[in-house]
């Protein structure tokens, strides 16, 4: 167990880029900044071939840093690039199918639930985590209040860990941590200024170390 696992940990979402080596460099730089639990890699508008090429460049960099590489919604690419898991955006049926097919060989996380009833339904599929918010939902400096409320409710009620999408400002990570959730996801907050990615990850980790609530064993 890493020394960070008793508090909210950072999850990164890769930005939209089509150049695999450039994205791998950017992600590698960020990961040098400190503890990151996992990196979620969306396909955005790439076709499967281009996405596979991109993921082939990024996944080994993520894994070498000790983080889990999670591919969004593309189990074929996830298998081909030997990713650690799948981030599935879908209803209970979709998530159930993916959990039955790929767990426990792969991490299978669930996104897309935007209110409590749907979240509980999807949770019945027993994914490895629930994600509240949109992967590109960091349009404001702060995390969306609805996602904070969902995360706080879920973390108090359900044993499945959850990730809440933060905002475009790095300081939004602490507000997410204060809800009691296990993970905060950031994208623009870390990647908007590539030269600062490592120092931002270091700063966010330092702030979480200092101020985030601790989980009881």
C-alpha atoms as a PDB file:
ATOM      1  CA  UNK A   1       0.000   0.000   0.000  1.00  0.00           C
ATOM      2  CA  UNK A   2       1.478   3.327  -1.036  1.00  0.00           C
ATOM      3  CA  UNK A   3       1.684   6.109   1.485  1.00  0.00           C
ATOM      4  CA  UNK A   4      -0.991   7.959  -0.487  1.00  0.00           C
ATOM      5  CA  UNK A   5      -3.713   5.340  -0.282  1.00  0.00           C
ATOM      6  CA  UNK A   6      -5.174   6.662   2.962  1.00  0.00           C
ATOM      7  CA  UNK A   7      -6.370   9.818   1.168  1.00  0.00           C
ATOM      8  CA  UNK A   8      -7.904  10.913  -2.117  1.00  0.00           C
ATOM      9  CA  UNK A   9      -5.545  10.145  -5.012  1.00  0.00           C
ATOM     10  CA  UNK A  10      -5.117  11.760  -8.387  1.00  0.00           C
ATOM     11  CA  UNK A  11      -6.383  10.296 -11.680  1.00  0.00           C
ATOM     12  CA  UNK A  12      -5.398  11.975 -14.965  1.00  0.00           C
ATOM     13  CA  UNK A  13      -7.414  12.119 -18.194  1.00  0.00           C
ATOM     14  CA  UNK A  14      -5.313  12.540 -21.316  1.00  0.00           C
ATOM     15  CA  UNK A  15      -6.082  15.608 -23.450  1.00  0.00           C
ATOM     16  CA  UNK A  16      -7.181  15.391 -27.078  1.00  0.00           C
ATOM     17  CA  UNK A  17      -4.060  14.868 -29.198  1.00  0.00           C
ATOM     18  CA  UNK A  18      -3.469  12.689 -32.239  1.00  0.00           C
ATOM     19  CA  UNK A  19       0.326  12.516 -31.956  1.00  0.00           C
ATOM     20  CA  UNK A  20       1.088   9.460 -29.811  1.00  0.00           C
ATOM     21  CA  UNK A  21       4.761  10.173 -29.026  1.00  0.00           C
ATOM     22  CA  UNK A  22       3.949  13.807 -28.117  1.00  0.00           C
ATOM     23  CA  UNK A  23       1.128  12.697 -25.827  1.00  0.00           C
ATOM     24  CA  UNK A  24       3.361  10.004 -24.291  1.00  0.00           C
ATOM     25  CA  UNK A  25       5.993  12.659 -23.535  1.00  0.00           C
ATOM     26  CA  UNK A  26       3.404  14.976 -21.987  1.00  0.00           C
ATOM     27  CA  UNK A  27       1.919  12.188 -19.843  1.00  0.00           C
ATOM     28  CA  UNK A  28       5.385  10.967 -18.848  1.00  0.00           C
ATOM     29  CA  UNK A  29       6.334  14.490 -17.762  1.00  0.00           C
ATOM     30  CA  UNK A  30       3.188  14.778 -15.628  1.00  0.00           C
ATOM     31  CA  UNK A  31       3.774  11.389 -13.999  1.00  0.00           C
ATOM     32  CA  UNK A  32       7.253  12.462 -12.924  1.00  0.00           C
ATOM     33  CA  UNK A  33       5.521  14.946 -10.632  1.00  0.00           C
ATOM     34  CA  UNK A  34       4.411  12.314  -8.151  1.00  0.00           C
ATOM     35  CA  UNK A  35       1.646   9.896  -7.229  1.00  0.00           C
ATOM     36  CA  UNK A  36      -1.017   9.199  -9.874  1.00  0.00           C
ATOM     37  CA  UNK A  37      -3.334   6.208  -9.406  1.00  0.00           C
ATOM     38  CA  UNK A  38      -4.417   5.848 -13.026  1.00  0.00           C
ATOM     39  CA  UNK A  39      -4.537   7.548 -16.408  1.00  0.00           C
ATOM     40  CA  UNK A  40      -7.771   7.412 -18.421  1.00  0.00           C
ATOM     41  CA  UNK A  41      -7.222   7.543 -22.193  1.00  0.00           C
ATOM     42  CA  UNK A  42     -10.287   8.588 -24.241  1.00  0.00           C
ATOM     43  CA  UNK A  43     -10.537   7.878 -27.971  1.00  0.00           C
ATOM     44  CA  UNK A  44     -12.033  11.305 -28.750  1.00  0.00           C
ATOM     45  CA  UNK A  45     -12.565  11.461 -32.540  1.00  0.00           C
ATOM     46  CA  UNK A  46      -9.757   9.092 -33.588  1.00  0.00           C
ATOM     47  CA  UNK A  47     -10.567   5.994 -35.624  1.00  0.00           C
ATOM     48  CA  UNK A  48      -9.670   2.635 -34.068  1.00  0.00           C
ATOM     49  CA  UNK A  49      -6.361   2.332 -35.922  1.00  0.00           C
ATOM     50  CA  UNK A  50      -5.143   5.792 -34.956  1.00  0.00           C
ATOM     51  CA  UNK A  51      -6.356   5.288 -31.381  1.00  0.00           C
ATOM     52  CA  UNK A  52      -4.475   2.014 -31.109  1.00  0.00           C
ATOM     53  CA  UNK A  53      -1.271   3.682 -32.355  1.00  0.00           C
ATOM     54  CA  UNK A  54      -1.750   6.502 -29.854  1.00  0.00           C
ATOM     55  CA  UNK A  55      -2.438   4.086 -26.987  1.00  0.00           C
ATOM     56  CA  UNK A  56       0.591   1.953 -27.926  1.00  0.00           C
ATOM     57  CA  UNK A  57       2.758   5.012 -27.272  1.00  0.00           C
ATOM     58  CA  UNK A  58       1.041   6.148 -24.067  1.00  0.00           C
ATOM     59  CA  UNK A  59       0.165   2.947 -22.164  1.00  0.00           C
ATOM     60  CA  UNK A  60       3.767   1.747 -21.517  1.00  0.00           C
ATOM     61  CA  UNK A  61       4.711   5.200 -20.190  1.00  0.00           C
ATOM     62  CA  UNK A  62       1.781   5.124 -17.759  1.00  0.00           C
ATOM     63  CA  UNK A  63       2.595   1.593 -16.606  1.00  0.00           C
ATOM     64  CA  UNK A  64       6.306   2.341 -16.193  1.00  0.00           C
ATOM     65  CA  UNK A  65       5.353   5.096 -13.728  1.00  0.00           C
ATOM     66  CA  UNK A  66       3.325   2.626 -11.668  1.00  0.00           C
ATOM     67  CA  UNK A  67      -0.091   3.957 -12.686  1.00  0.00           C
ATOM     68  CA  UNK A  68      -2.932   1.975 -14.272  1.00  0.00           C
ATOM     69  CA  UNK A  69      -3.654   2.711 -17.951  1.00  0.00           C
ATOM     70  CA  UNK A  70      -7.401   2.707 -18.650  1.00  0.00           C
ATOM     71  CA  UNK A  71      -8.831   2.792 -22.178  1.00  0.00           C
ATOM     72  CA  UNK A  72     -12.259   4.381 -22.665  1.00  0.00           C
ATOM     73  CA  UNK A  73     -14.975   2.204 -24.241  1.00  0.00           C
ATOM     74  CA  UNK A  74     -12.760   0.237 -26.639  1.00  0.00           C
ATOM     75  CA  UNK A  75     -12.097  -3.284 -25.379  1.00  0.00           C
ATOM     76  CA  UNK A  76     -10.327  -4.332 -28.600  1.00  0.00           C
ATOM     77  CA  UNK A  77      -7.758  -1.582 -28.318  1.00  0.00           C
ATOM     78  CA  UNK A  78      -7.443  -2.172 -24.566  1.00  0.00           C
ATOM     79  CA  UNK A  79      -6.563  -5.809 -25.246  1.00  0.00           C
ATOM     80  CA  UNK A  80      -4.168  -5.083 -28.083  1.00  0.00           C
ATOM     81  CA  UNK A  81      -2.157  -2.475 -26.181  1.00  0.00           C
ATOM     82  CA  UNK A  82      -2.191  -4.527 -22.941  1.00  0.00           C
ATOM     83  CA  UNK A  83      -3.905  -1.767 -20.963  1.00  0.00           C
ATOM     84  CA  UNK A  84      -4.742  -2.353 -17.312  1.00  0.00           C
ATOM     85  CA  UNK A  85      -8.389  -1.638 -17.700  1.00  0.00           C
ATOM     86  CA  UNK A  86     -11.469  -0.235 -19.384  1.00  0.00           C
ATOM     87  CA  UNK A  87     -13.441   2.890 -18.532  1.00  0.00           C
ATOM     88  CA  UNK A  88     -16.995   2.080 -19.659  1.00  0.00           C
ATOM     89  CA  UNK A  89     -19.525   4.856 -20.248  1.00  0.00           C
ATOM     90  CA  UNK A  90     -22.883   3.157 -20.324  1.00  0.00           C
ATOM     91  CA  UNK A  91     -25.965   1.798 -18.609  1.00  0.00           C
ATOM     92  CA  UNK A  92     -26.202  -1.182 -16.265  1.00  0.00           C
ATOM     93  CA  UNK A  93     -26.457  -3.687 -19.143  1.00  0.00           C
ATOM     94  CA  UNK A  94     -23.331  -2.384 -20.864  1.00  0.00           C
ATOM     95  CA  UNK A  95     -21.307  -2.246 -17.666  1.00  0.00           C
ATOM     96  CA  UNK A  96     -22.545  -5.706 -16.579  1.00  0.00           C
ATOM     97  CA  UNK A  97     -21.490  -7.171 -19.920  1.00  0.00           C
ATOM     98  CA  UNK A  98     -18.008  -5.651 -19.671  1.00  0.00           C
ATOM     99  CA  UNK A  99     -17.549  -6.706 -16.036  1.00  0.00           C
ATOM    100  CA  UNK A 100     -18.599 -10.279 -16.874  1.00  0.00           C
ATOM    101  CA  UNK A 101     -16.335 -10.386 -19.913  1.00  0.00           C
ATOM    102  CA  UNK A 102     -13.175  -8.710 -18.620  1.00  0.00           C
ATOM    103  CA  UNK A 103     -13.109  -8.642 -14.815  1.00  0.00           C
ATOM    104  CA  UNK A 104     -10.929  -9.477 -12.925  1.00  0.00           C
ATOM    105  CA  UNK A 105      -8.342  -9.683 -15.740  1.00  0.00           C
ATOM    106  CA  UNK A 106      -8.905  -5.981 -16.428  1.00  0.00           C
ATOM    107  CA  UNK A 107     -10.030  -3.143 -14.200  1.00  0.00           C
ATOM    108  CA  UNK A 108     -13.556  -2.227 -15.344  1.00  0.00           C
ATOM    109  CA  UNK A 109     -14.753   1.197 -14.233  1.00  0.00           C
ATOM    110  CA  UNK A 110     -18.117   2.818 -14.957  1.00  0.00           C
ATOM    111  CA  UNK A 111     -18.877   6.371 -16.021  1.00  0.00           C
ATOM    112  CA  UNK A 112     -21.975   8.102 -17.289  1.00  0.00           C
ATOM    113  CA  UNK A 113     -24.295   7.989 -14.270  1.00  0.00           C
ATOM    114  CA  UNK A 114     -25.518  11.533 -13.709  1.00  0.00           C
ATOM    115  CA  UNK A 115     -27.983  10.954 -10.869  1.00  0.00           C
ATOM    116  CA  UNK A 116     -28.390   8.665  -7.867  1.00  0.00           C
ATOM    117  CA  UNK A 117     -30.860   6.150  -9.260  1.00  0.00           C
ATOM    118  CA  UNK A 118     -28.748   5.423 -12.351  1.00  0.00           C
ATOM    119  CA  UNK A 119     -25.594   5.260 -10.234  1.00  0.00           C
ATOM    120  CA  UNK A 120     -27.126   2.624  -7.950  1.00  0.00           C
ATOM    121  CA  UNK A 121     -28.356   0.632 -10.970  1.00  0.00           C
ATOM    122  CA  UNK A 122     -24.919   0.696 -12.615  1.00  0.00           C
ATOM    123  CA  UNK A 123     -23.355  -0.108  -9.242  1.00  0.00           C
ATOM    124  CA  UNK A 124     -25.273  -3.398  -9.226  1.00  0.00           C
ATOM    125  CA  UNK A 125     -22.935  -4.524 -12.029  1.00  0.00           C
ATOM    126  CA  UNK A 126     -20.144  -4.252  -9.441  1.00  0.00           C
ATOM    127  CA  UNK A 127     -17.609  -2.224 -11.451  1.00  0.00           C
ATOM    128  CA  UNK A 128     -14.201  -1.528  -9.907  1.00  0.00           C
ATOM    129  CA  UNK A 129     -15.072   2.154  -9.576  1.00  0.00           C
ATOM    130  CA  UNK A 130     -17.760   4.710 -10.390  1.00  0.00           C
ATOM    131  CA  UNK A 131     -16.899   7.956 -12.167  1.00  0.00           C
ATOM    132  CA  UNK A 132     -19.041  11.063 -11.626  1.00  0.00           C
ATOM    133  CA  UNK A 133     -18.824  13.792 -14.231  1.00  0.00           C
ATOM    134  CA  UNK A 134     -17.909  13.957 -17.902  1.00  0.00           C
ATOM    135  CA  UNK A 135     -14.356  13.161 -18.974  1.00  0.00           C
ATOM    136  CA  UNK A 136     -14.226  16.570 -20.662  1.00  0.00           C
ATOM    137  CA  UNK A 137     -16.348  18.224 -17.967  1.00  0.00           C
ATOM    138  CA  UNK A 138     -13.611  20.485 -16.608  1.00  0.00           C
ATOM    139  CA  UNK A 139     -14.954  23.577 -18.321  1.00  0.00           C
ATOM    140  CA  UNK A 140     -14.976  25.737 -15.174  1.00  0.00           C
ATOM    141  CA  UNK A 141     -12.195  26.310 -12.633  1.00  0.00           C
ATOM    142  CA  UNK A 142     -14.100  24.412  -9.942  1.00  0.00           C
ATOM    143  CA  UNK A 143     -15.622  20.916  -9.986  1.00  0.00           C
ATOM    144  CA  UNK A 144     -19.336  20.759 -10.839  1.00  0.00           C
ATOM    145  CA  UNK A 145     -21.389  20.978  -7.633  1.00  0.00           C
ATOM    146  CA  UNK A 146     -23.677  18.136  -8.766  1.00  0.00           C
ATOM    147  CA  UNK A 147     -20.704  15.776  -9.153  1.00  0.00           C
ATOM    148  CA  UNK A 148     -19.335  16.788  -5.744  1.00  0.00           C
ATOM    149  CA  UNK A 149     -22.721  16.020  -4.183  1.00  0.00           C
ATOM    150  CA  UNK A 150     -22.986  12.672  -5.989  1.00  0.00           C
ATOM    151  CA  UNK A 151     -19.470  11.700  -4.936  1.00  0.00           C
ATOM    152  CA  UNK A 152     -20.075  12.648  -1.308  1.00  0.00           C
ATOM    153  CA  UNK A 153     -23.335  10.660  -1.216  1.00  0.00           C
ATOM    154  CA  UNK A 154     -21.770   7.634  -2.950  1.00  0.00           C
ATOM    155  CA  UNK A 155     -18.645   7.561  -0.783  1.00  0.00           C
ATOM    156  CA  UNK A 156     -20.765   7.588   2.380  1.00  0.00           C
ATOM    157  CA  UNK A 157     -23.181   4.915   1.118  1.00  0.00           C
ATOM    158  CA  UNK A 158     -21.400   2.453  -1.153  1.00  0.00           C
ATOM    159  CA  UNK A 159     -18.158   0.512  -0.795  1.00  0.00           C
ATOM    160  CA  UNK A 160     -17.262   0.683  -4.524  1.00  0.00           C
ATOM    161  CA  UNK A 161     -14.625   3.463  -4.864  1.00  0.00           C
ATOM    162  CA  UNK A 162     -15.488   6.538  -6.861  1.00  0.00           C
ATOM    163  CA  UNK A 163     -13.738   9.155  -8.939  1.00  0.00           C
ATOM    164  CA  UNK A 164     -15.107  12.687  -9.227  1.00  0.00           C
ATOM    165  CA  UNK A 165     -14.177  14.970 -12.110  1.00  0.00           C
ATOM    166  CA  UNK A 166     -12.406  18.098 -10.899  1.00  0.00           C
ATOM    167  CA  UNK A 167     -12.282  21.496 -12.545  1.00  0.00           C
ATOM    168  CA  UNK A 168      -9.762  23.333 -14.716  1.00  0.00           C
ATOM    169  CA  UNK A 169      -8.018  24.816 -11.670  1.00  0.00           C
ATOM    170  CA  UNK A 170      -5.564  22.530  -9.813  1.00  0.00           C
ATOM    171  CA  UNK A 171      -6.980  23.705  -6.482  1.00  0.00           C
ATOM    172  CA  UNK A 172     -10.295  22.000  -7.362  1.00  0.00           C
ATOM    173  CA  UNK A 173      -8.653  18.686  -6.369  1.00  0.00           C
ATOM    174  CA  UNK A 174      -8.846  19.525  -2.685  1.00  0.00           C
ATOM    175  CA  UNK A 175     -12.557  20.417  -2.877  1.00  0.00           C
ATOM    176  CA  UNK A 176     -13.177  16.973  -4.397  1.00  0.00           C
ATOM    177  CA  UNK A 177     -11.060  15.279  -1.706  1.00  0.00           C
ATOM    178  CA  UNK A 178     -13.059  17.007   1.004  1.00  0.00           C
ATOM    179  CA  UNK A 179     -16.205  15.128  -0.082  1.00  0.00           C
ATOM    180  CA  UNK A 180     -14.596  11.889   1.106  1.00  0.00           C
ATOM    181  CA  UNK A 181     -14.207  10.261  -2.330  1.00  0.00           C
ATOM    182  CA  UNK A 182     -11.239   8.049  -3.140  1.00  0.00           C
ATOM    183  CA  UNK A 183     -10.094   9.700  -6.385  1.00  0.00           C
ATOM    184  CA  UNK A 184     -10.141  13.061  -8.147  1.00  0.00           C
ATOM    185  CA  UNK A 185      -9.809  13.238 -11.938  1.00  0.00           C
ATOM    186  CA  UNK A 186      -8.061  16.172 -13.585  1.00  0.00           C
ATOM    187  CA  UNK A 187      -7.217  16.960 -17.194  1.00  0.00           C
ATOM    188  CA  UNK A 188      -6.929  20.653 -18.169  1.00  0.00           C
ATOM    189  CA  UNK A 189      -5.745  21.486 -14.626  1.00  0.00           C
ATOM    190  CA  UNK A 190      -2.567  19.486 -15.302  1.00  0.00           C
ATOM    191  CA  UNK A 191      -2.186  19.397 -19.085  1.00  0.00           C
ATOM    192  CA  UNK A 192      -3.197  22.928 -20.175  1.00  0.00           C
ATOM    193  CA  UNK A 193       0.383  24.111 -19.587  1.00  0.00           C
ATOM    194  CA  UNK A 194       2.590  21.165 -20.688  1.00  0.00           C
ATOM    195  CA  UNK A 195       5.779  22.677 -19.286  1.00  0.00           C
ATOM    196  CA  UNK A 196       4.202  22.846 -15.827  1.00  0.00           C
ATOM    197  CA  UNK A 197       2.559  19.381 -15.793  1.00  0.00           C
ATOM    198  CA  UNK A 198       5.085  17.758 -13.435  1.00  0.00           C
ATOM    199  CA  UNK A 199       5.168  20.679 -11.009  1.00  0.00           C
ATOM    200  CA  UNK A 200       1.354  20.802 -10.973  1.00  0.00           C
ATOM    201  CA  UNK A 201       1.103  17.081 -10.123  1.00  0.00           C
ATOM    202  CA  UNK A 202       3.673  17.632  -7.369  1.00  0.00           C
ATOM    203  CA  UNK A 203       1.752  20.638  -6.037  1.00  0.00           C
ATOM    204  CA  UNK A 204      -1.606  18.824  -6.064  1.00  0.00           C
ATOM    205  CA  UNK A 205      -0.103  15.836  -4.246  1.00  0.00           C
ATOM    206  CA  UNK A 206       1.494  18.108  -1.649  1.00  0.00           C
ATOM    207  CA  UNK A 207      -1.829  19.840  -1.049  1.00  0.00           C
ATOM    208  CA  UNK A 208      -3.668  16.500  -0.734  1.00  0.00           C
ATOM    209  CA  UNK A 209      -0.966  15.206   1.624  1.00  0.00           C
ATOM    210  CA  UNK A 210      -1.350  18.253   3.798  1.00  0.00           C
ATOM    211  CA  UNK A 211      -5.089  18.906   3.751  1.00  0.00           C
ATOM    212  CA  UNK A 212      -7.117  15.980   2.361  1.00  0.00           C
ATOM    213  CA  UNK A 213      -9.129  13.964   4.888  1.00  0.00           C
ATOM    214  CA  UNK A 214      -7.710  10.543   5.791  1.00  0.00           C
ATOM    215  CA  UNK A 215      -9.681   7.334   5.346  1.00  0.00           C
ATOM    216  CA  UNK A 216     -10.173   5.061   8.314  1.00  0.00           C
ATOM    217  CA  UNK A 217      -8.927   1.493   7.761  1.00  0.00           C
END
